[in-house]
Amino acid sequence: MAAPEPAPPAPVSEPEPAPAPVVAAPSPPAPSAVSALADIAGARDFARLDPNAYTLQLSDAASPSGFPALIQALGLSADQCFLLRIKREGQAWWLLAYGQYSDANQAKAALARLPNVPGLTRTWPRKIQYLQREFDPLGP
């Protein structure tokens, strides 16, 4: 009697590849908090601040056109920023201020938390009453 034929070898199945990890598409950037100078509070709002409090002077320039980009780079809220037109040597000059702090120490602490970004110049805490004397109350 003949020996039974051996069974054919079982097919070797390749293990199923693991599914590719699902990578979430990057979120689109949030709309700019400041899309235009009109988004920044102006002199009338600044005039209502407590004169004995402090603010941060973030920058000053002959033109305020770069201020929205600076606000965005710093991650600040436009409704806490103030665009002030002042006079410097008889010419219009622009100043960007941020926030209201009850004392100089709070303002200094807030300043220390700001990231270092290009365009952040002439930055320091200032007493609001002194700036209220300098800016044009009819400005933006």
N, C-alpha and C. Protein backbone atom coordinates (compact mmCIF):
# COMPACT_ATOMS: atom_id res chain seq x y z
N MET A 1 0.83 -1.17 0.00
CA MET A 1 0.00 0.00 0.00
C MET A 1 0.88 1.23 0.00
N ALA A 2 0.43 2.17 -0.70
CA ALA A 2 1.23 3.37 -0.84
C ALA A 2 0.98 4.31 0.32
N ALA A 3 2.02 4.97 0.68
CA ALA A 3 1.89 5.92 1.79
C ALA A 3 1.06 7.11 1.33
N PRO A 4 0.21 7.63 2.22
CA PRO A 4 -0.60 8.77 1.82
C PRO A 4 0.29 9.96 1.48
N GLU A 5 -0.16 10.68 0.53
CA GLU A 5 0.60 11.87 0.15
C GLU A 5 0.57 12.87 1.28
N PRO A 6 1.70 13.48 1.53
CA PRO A 6 1.69 14.49 2.59
C PRO A 6 0.81 15.67 2.17
N ALA A 7 0.20 16.25 3.14
CA ALA A 7 -0.67 17.41 2.89
C ALA A 7 0.19 18.56 2.41
N PRO A 8 -0.34 19.33 1.48
CA PRO A 8 0.46 20.46 1.03
C PRO A 8 0.68 21.42 2.19
N PRO A 9 1.83 22.08 2.19
CA PRO A 9 2.08 23.00 3.30
C PRO A 9 1.03 24.12 3.30
N ALA A 10 0.67 24.50 4.50
CA ALA A 10 -0.32 25.58 4.65
C ALA A 10 0.29 26.87 4.13
N PRO A 11 -0.49 27.64 3.39
CA PRO A 11 0.08 28.89 2.89
C PRO A 11 0.48 29.79 4.05
N VAL A 12 1.59 30.41 3.91
CA VAL A 12 2.07 31.33 4.93
C VAL A 12 1.45 32.68 4.62
N SER A 13 0.67 33.14 5.57
CA SER A 13 0.04 34.43 5.32
C SER A 13 0.87 35.52 5.97
N GLU A 14 1.00 36.55 5.24
CA GLU A 14 1.71 37.72 5.75
C GLU A 14 0.82 38.39 6.79
N PRO A 15 1.40 38.84 7.90
CA PRO A 15 0.56 39.56 8.86
C PRO A 15 0.05 40.86 8.21
N GLU A 16 -1.15 41.22 8.56
CA GLU A 16 -1.72 42.43 8.01
C GLU A 16 -0.92 43.62 8.51
N PRO A 17 -0.60 44.53 7.62
CA PRO A 17 0.15 45.71 8.10
C PRO A 17 -0.72 46.51 9.06
N ALA A 18 -0.04 47.08 10.03
CA ALA A 18 -0.77 47.93 10.99
C ALA A 18 -1.28 49.14 10.24
N PRO A 19 -2.47 49.58 10.58
CA PRO A 19 -2.97 50.76 9.87
C PRO A 19 -2.06 51.95 10.16
N ALA A 20 -1.92 52.78 9.16
CA ALA A 20 -1.09 53.97 9.32
C ALA A 20 -1.72 54.86 10.38
N PRO A 21 -0.87 55.45 11.23
CA PRO A 21 -1.45 56.32 12.26
C PRO A 21 -2.18 57.49 11.61
N VAL A 22 -3.25 57.84 12.21
CA VAL A 22 -4.01 58.98 11.71
C VAL A 22 -3.36 60.24 12.25
N VAL A 23 -2.92 61.05 11.34
CA VAL A 23 -2.27 62.30 11.73
C VAL A 23 -3.25 63.42 11.39
N ALA A 24 -3.60 64.14 12.40
CA ALA A 24 -4.54 65.24 12.17
C ALA A 24 -3.86 66.32 11.34
N ALA A 25 -4.60 66.83 10.43
CA ALA A 25 -4.08 67.94 9.64
C ALA A 25 -3.87 69.12 10.55
N PRO A 26 -2.82 69.88 10.33
CA PRO A 26 -2.60 71.03 11.19
C PRO A 26 -3.79 71.98 11.11
N SER A 27 -4.11 72.53 12.24
CA SER A 27 -5.21 73.49 12.28
C SER A 27 -4.81 74.73 11.51
N PRO A 28 -5.76 75.30 10.81
CA PRO A 28 -5.40 76.56 10.15
C PRO A 28 -5.11 77.59 11.21
N PRO A 29 -4.23 78.50 10.93
CA PRO A 29 -3.93 79.51 11.95
C PRO A 29 -5.18 80.29 12.30
N ALA A 30 -5.25 80.63 13.56
CA ALA A 30 -6.39 81.43 14.02
C ALA A 30 -6.34 82.77 13.31
N PRO A 31 -7.49 83.34 13.04
CA PRO A 31 -7.45 84.66 12.42
C PRO A 31 -6.68 85.62 13.31
N SER A 32 -6.01 86.51 12.69
CA SER A 32 -5.21 87.47 13.42
C SER A 32 -6.08 88.21 14.43
N ALA A 33 -5.54 88.32 15.64
CA ALA A 33 -6.26 89.08 16.66
C ALA A 33 -6.32 90.54 16.27
N VAL A 34 -5.38 90.95 15.47
CA VAL A 34 -5.32 92.35 15.05
C VAL A 34 -5.12 92.35 13.55
N SER A 35 -6.15 92.65 12.82
CA SER A 35 -6.02 92.66 11.38
C SER A 35 -5.77 94.06 10.83
N ALA A 36 -6.03 95.06 11.62
CA ALA A 36 -5.84 96.43 11.16
C ALA A 36 -5.68 97.36 12.35
N LEU A 37 -5.20 98.53 12.08
CA LEU A 37 -5.04 99.52 13.14
C LEU A 37 -6.38 99.83 13.81
N ALA A 38 -7.46 99.72 13.06
CA ALA A 38 -8.78 100.02 13.61
C ALA A 38 -9.17 99.06 14.73
N ASP A 39 -8.51 97.89 14.80
CA ASP A 39 -8.81 96.92 15.85
C ASP A 39 -8.22 97.31 17.20
N ILE A 40 -7.30 98.25 17.19
CA ILE A 40 -6.60 98.64 18.41
C ILE A 40 -7.34 99.80 19.07
N ALA A 41 -7.53 99.71 20.38
CA ALA A 41 -8.18 100.81 21.11
C ALA A 41 -7.36 102.08 20.94
N GLY A 42 -8.02 103.19 21.07
CA GLY A 42 -7.35 104.46 20.84
C GLY A 42 -7.31 105.36 22.06
N ALA A 43 -7.09 106.64 21.79
CA ALA A 43 -6.90 107.64 22.83
C ALA A 43 -8.12 107.80 23.72
N ARG A 44 -9.31 107.73 23.14
CA ARG A 44 -10.51 107.92 23.97
C ARG A 44 -10.63 106.83 25.03
N ASP A 45 -10.30 105.58 24.64
CA ASP A 45 -10.32 104.49 25.62
C ASP A 45 -9.21 104.67 26.65
N PHE A 46 -8.06 105.11 26.20
CA PHE A 46 -6.93 105.30 27.11
C PHE A 46 -7.23 106.41 28.11
N ALA A 47 -7.94 107.42 27.68
CA ALA A 47 -8.28 108.54 28.57
C ALA A 47 -9.15 108.09 29.74
N ARG A 48 -9.85 106.97 29.58
CA ARG A 48 -10.72 106.47 30.66
C ARG A 48 -9.99 105.62 31.69
N LEU A 49 -8.73 105.30 31.45
CA LEU A 49 -7.98 104.46 32.39
C LEU A 49 -7.63 105.24 33.65
N ASP A 50 -7.40 104.50 34.72
CA ASP A 50 -7.01 105.08 36.01
C ASP A 50 -5.64 105.76 35.84
N PRO A 51 -5.56 107.07 36.05
CA PRO A 51 -4.28 107.76 35.85
C PRO A 51 -3.19 107.30 36.80
N ASN A 52 -3.56 106.71 37.93
CA ASN A 52 -2.56 106.24 38.89
C ASN A 52 -2.06 104.83 38.60
N ALA A 53 -2.64 104.18 37.61
CA ALA A 53 -2.21 102.83 37.23
C ALA A 53 -1.04 102.93 36.25
N TYR A 54 -0.54 101.78 35.83
CA TYR A 54 0.58 101.69 34.91
C TYR A 54 0.17 100.93 33.66
N THR A 55 0.88 101.20 32.58
CA THR A 55 0.72 100.49 31.33
C THR A 55 2.10 100.13 30.83
N LEU A 56 2.16 99.30 29.80
CA LEU A 56 3.44 98.99 29.18
C LEU A 56 3.53 99.73 27.85
N GLN A 57 4.54 100.52 27.70
CA GLN A 57 4.82 101.10 26.40
C GLN A 57 5.56 100.02 25.63
N LEU A 58 4.96 99.54 24.55
CA LEU A 58 5.57 98.46 23.79
C LEU A 58 6.50 98.95 22.69
N SER A 59 6.09 100.03 22.04
CA SER A 59 6.88 100.53 20.93
C SER A 59 6.42 101.94 20.59
N ASP A 60 7.25 102.65 19.88
CA ASP A 60 6.84 103.93 19.32
C ASP A 60 7.50 104.06 17.96
N ALA A 61 6.85 104.82 17.10
CA ALA A 61 7.35 104.92 15.72
C ALA A 61 6.73 106.12 15.03
N ALA A 62 7.34 106.50 13.92
CA ALA A 62 6.80 107.59 13.12
C ALA A 62 5.52 107.16 12.42
N SER A 63 5.34 105.85 12.23
CA SER A 63 4.13 105.30 11.61
C SER A 63 3.67 104.10 12.44
N PRO A 64 2.37 103.96 12.66
CA PRO A 64 1.88 102.82 13.44
C PRO A 64 1.64 101.57 12.61
N SER A 65 2.02 101.56 11.34
CA SER A 65 1.66 100.46 10.45
C SER A 65 2.17 99.10 10.90
N GLY A 66 3.28 99.04 11.61
CA GLY A 66 3.81 97.76 12.07
C GLY A 66 3.23 97.28 13.39
N PHE A 67 2.41 98.08 14.04
CA PHE A 67 1.89 97.71 15.35
C PHE A 67 0.99 96.47 15.34
N PRO A 68 0.09 96.30 14.35
CA PRO A 68 -0.73 95.08 14.37
C PRO A 68 0.11 93.79 14.32
N ALA A 69 1.15 93.78 13.51
CA ALA A 69 2.01 92.60 13.43
C ALA A 69 2.74 92.37 14.75
N LEU A 70 3.16 93.44 15.40
CA LEU A 70 3.83 93.31 16.69
C LEU A 70 2.88 92.74 17.74
N ILE A 71 1.65 93.23 17.76
CA ILE A 71 0.66 92.72 18.71
C ILE A 71 0.43 91.23 18.49
N GLN A 72 0.32 90.84 17.23
CA GLN A 72 0.10 89.43 16.91
C GLN A 72 1.31 88.60 17.31
N ALA A 73 2.51 89.08 17.02
CA ALA A 73 3.73 88.33 17.37
C ALA A 73 3.86 88.14 18.88
N LEU A 74 3.38 89.11 19.63
CA LEU A 74 3.44 89.02 21.09
C LEU A 74 2.30 88.18 21.66
N GLY A 75 1.31 87.86 20.83
CA GLY A 75 0.17 87.08 21.29
C GLY A 75 -0.75 87.86 22.20
N LEU A 76 -0.82 89.16 21.99
CA LEU A 76 -1.64 90.02 22.84
C LEU A 76 -3.02 90.23 22.25
N SER A 77 -3.93 90.64 23.09
CA SER A 77 -5.28 90.95 22.67
C SER A 77 -5.36 92.41 22.27
N ALA A 78 -5.90 92.66 21.09
CA ALA A 78 -6.00 94.04 20.59
C ALA A 78 -6.83 94.92 21.49
N ASP A 79 -7.82 94.33 22.17
CA ASP A 79 -8.67 95.17 23.01
C ASP A 79 -7.98 95.62 24.30
N GLN A 80 -6.76 95.14 24.53
CA GLN A 80 -5.98 95.58 25.68
C GLN A 80 -4.83 96.48 25.26
N CYS A 81 -4.76 96.77 23.95
CA CYS A 81 -3.70 97.63 23.42
C CYS A 81 -4.27 99.01 23.12
N PHE A 82 -3.40 99.99 23.13
CA PHE A 82 -3.82 101.37 22.89
C PHE A 82 -2.87 102.02 21.90
N LEU A 83 -3.45 102.60 20.86
CA LEU A 83 -2.71 103.33 19.85
C LEU A 83 -2.85 104.81 20.18
N LEU A 84 -1.74 105.44 20.49
CA LEU A 84 -1.76 106.84 20.92
C LEU A 84 -0.92 107.69 19.98
N ARG A 85 -1.49 108.81 19.55
CA ARG A 85 -0.73 109.77 18.74
C ARG A 85 -0.20 110.83 19.69
N ILE A 86 1.11 111.03 19.65
CA ILE A 86 1.75 112.02 20.51
C ILE A 86 2.56 112.96 19.61
N LYS A 87 3.11 113.97 20.20
CA LYS A 87 3.99 114.89 19.47
C LYS A 87 5.42 114.63 19.91
N ARG A 88 6.30 114.57 18.95
CA ARG A 88 7.73 114.44 19.24
C ARG A 88 8.44 115.43 18.34
N GLU A 89 9.09 116.39 18.97
CA GLU A 89 9.79 117.45 18.24
C GLU A 89 8.87 118.10 17.21
N GLY A 90 7.63 118.35 17.62
CA GLY A 90 6.67 119.03 16.77
C GLY A 90 6.01 118.17 15.70
N GLN A 91 6.40 116.92 15.61
CA GLN A 91 5.86 116.01 14.59
C GLN A 91 4.96 114.96 15.24
N ALA A 92 3.99 114.47 14.48
CA ALA A 92 3.15 113.38 14.96
C ALA A 92 4.00 112.13 15.12
N TRP A 93 3.79 111.43 16.20
CA TRP A 93 4.53 110.21 16.52
C TRP A 93 3.53 109.25 17.13
N TRP A 94 3.74 107.97 16.99
CA TRP A 94 2.78 106.97 17.46
C TRP A 94 3.39 106.10 18.54
N LEU A 95 2.57 105.77 19.50
CA LEU A 95 3.00 104.96 20.63
C LEU A 95 2.01 103.82 20.80
N LEU A 96 2.50 102.63 21.08
CA LEU A 96 1.67 101.46 21.34
C LEU A 96 1.82 101.09 22.80
N ALA A 97 0.71 101.15 23.53
CA ALA A 97 0.71 100.79 24.95
C ALA A 97 -0.15 99.54 25.14
N TYR A 98 0.13 98.81 26.22
CA TYR A 98 -0.62 97.58 26.48
C TYR A 98 -0.97 97.47 27.96
N GLY A 99 -2.25 97.20 28.22
CA GLY A 99 -2.71 96.83 29.55
C GLY A 99 -2.82 97.97 30.54
N GLN A 100 -3.34 97.59 31.69
CA GLN A 100 -3.46 98.49 32.84
C GLN A 100 -3.10 97.67 34.06
N TYR A 101 -2.14 98.13 34.82
CA TYR A 101 -1.63 97.42 35.99
C TYR A 101 -1.70 98.35 37.20
N SER A 102 -2.04 97.79 38.33
CA SER A 102 -2.26 98.63 39.51
C SER A 102 -0.99 99.29 40.03
N ASP A 103 0.16 98.67 39.79
CA ASP A 103 1.41 99.29 40.25
C ASP A 103 2.56 98.91 39.31
N ALA A 104 3.68 99.54 39.52
CA ALA A 104 4.84 99.33 38.65
C ALA A 104 5.33 97.89 38.70
N ASN A 105 5.27 97.25 39.87
CA ASN A 105 5.74 95.87 39.98
C ASN A 105 4.91 94.92 39.12
N GLN A 106 3.59 95.10 39.10
CA GLN A 106 2.75 94.26 38.25
C GLN A 106 3.08 94.50 36.77
N ALA A 107 3.30 95.75 36.42
CA ALA A 107 3.65 96.06 35.03
C ALA A 107 5.00 95.44 34.66
N LYS A 108 5.97 95.49 35.55
CA LYS A 108 7.29 94.89 35.29
C LYS A 108 7.17 93.38 35.14
N ALA A 109 6.33 92.75 35.95
CA ALA A 109 6.13 91.31 35.85
C ALA A 109 5.49 90.94 34.51
N ALA A 110 4.53 91.75 34.06
CA ALA A 110 3.90 91.50 32.77
C ALA A 110 4.91 91.68 31.64
N LEU A 111 5.75 92.67 31.76
CA LEU A 111 6.78 92.92 30.76
C LEU A 111 7.75 91.74 30.68
N ALA A 112 8.11 91.17 31.81
CA ALA A 112 9.03 90.04 31.84
C ALA A 112 8.44 88.80 31.16
N ARG A 113 7.12 88.70 31.11
CA ARG A 113 6.47 87.55 30.47
C ARG A 113 6.33 87.68 28.96
N LEU A 114 6.60 88.85 28.41
CA LEU A 114 6.47 89.04 26.97
C LEU A 114 7.63 88.35 26.25
N PRO A 115 7.33 87.71 25.12
CA PRO A 115 8.43 87.11 24.35
C PRO A 115 9.28 88.20 23.71
N ASN A 116 10.51 87.84 23.42
CA ASN A 116 11.40 88.79 22.75
C ASN A 116 11.18 88.65 21.25
N VAL A 117 10.61 89.67 20.65
CA VAL A 117 10.32 89.64 19.21
C VAL A 117 10.89 90.88 18.56
N PRO A 118 11.22 90.78 17.26
CA PRO A 118 11.69 91.97 16.54
C PRO A 118 10.61 93.05 16.57
N GLY A 119 11.02 94.26 16.74
CA GLY A 119 10.07 95.38 16.76
C GLY A 119 9.67 95.79 18.16
N LEU A 120 10.04 94.99 19.14
CA LEU A 120 9.73 95.33 20.53
C LEU A 120 10.84 96.26 21.01
N THR A 121 10.58 97.55 20.87
CA THR A 121 11.61 98.54 21.18
C THR A 121 11.07 99.55 22.17
N ARG A 122 11.98 100.16 22.87
CA ARG A 122 11.62 101.23 23.80
C ARG A 122 10.45 100.79 24.67
N THR A 123 10.60 99.62 25.28
CA THR A 123 9.54 99.00 26.06
C THR A 123 9.83 99.15 27.54
N TRP A 124 8.85 99.71 28.26
CA TRP A 124 8.98 99.83 29.71
C TRP A 124 7.63 100.18 30.32
N PRO A 125 7.49 99.96 31.63
CA PRO A 125 6.26 100.38 32.31
C PRO A 125 6.21 101.90 32.38
N ARG A 126 5.02 102.44 32.19
CA ARG A 126 4.83 103.88 32.29
C ARG A 126 3.59 104.17 33.10
N LYS A 127 3.66 105.20 33.90
CA LYS A 127 2.48 105.63 34.65
C LYS A 127 1.50 106.25 33.66
N ILE A 128 0.26 105.80 33.74
CA ILE A 128 -0.74 106.22 32.76
C ILE A 128 -0.94 107.73 32.75
N GLN A 129 -0.92 108.37 33.91
CA GLN A 129 -1.19 109.81 33.92
C GLN A 129 -0.18 110.60 33.09
N TYR A 130 1.06 110.13 33.02
CA TYR A 130 2.05 110.84 32.22
C TYR A 130 1.76 110.70 30.73
N LEU A 131 1.35 109.53 30.33
CA LEU A 131 0.99 109.35 28.92
C LEU A 131 -0.30 110.10 28.59
N GLN A 132 -1.22 110.15 29.53
CA GLN A 132 -2.47 110.88 29.28
C GLN A 132 -2.20 112.36 29.04
N ARG A 133 -1.12 112.87 29.57
CA ARG A 133 -0.75 114.27 29.34
C ARG A 133 -0.11 114.47 27.97
N GLU A 134 0.48 113.40 27.41
CA GLU A 134 1.23 113.51 26.16
C GLU A 134 0.40 113.27 24.92
N PHE A 135 -0.59 112.38 24.97
CA PHE A 135 -1.26 111.98 23.73
C PHE A 135 -2.31 112.99 23.31
N ASP A 136 -2.66 112.89 22.05
CA ASP A 136 -3.68 113.73 21.45
C ASP A 136 -5.04 113.12 21.76
N PRO A 137 -5.84 113.73 22.63
CA PRO A 137 -7.12 113.11 23.02
C PRO A 137 -8.10 113.00 21.86
N LEU A 138 -7.85 113.69 20.78
CA LEU A 138 -8.72 113.58 19.62
C LEU A 138 -8.18 112.58 18.62
N GLY A 139 -7.10 111.92 18.99
CA GLY A 139 -6.49 110.93 18.09
C GLY A 139 -7.39 109.72 17.94
N PRO A 140 -6.86 108.69 17.32
CA PRO A 140 -7.68 107.51 17.02
C PRO A 140 -8.22 106.85 18.25
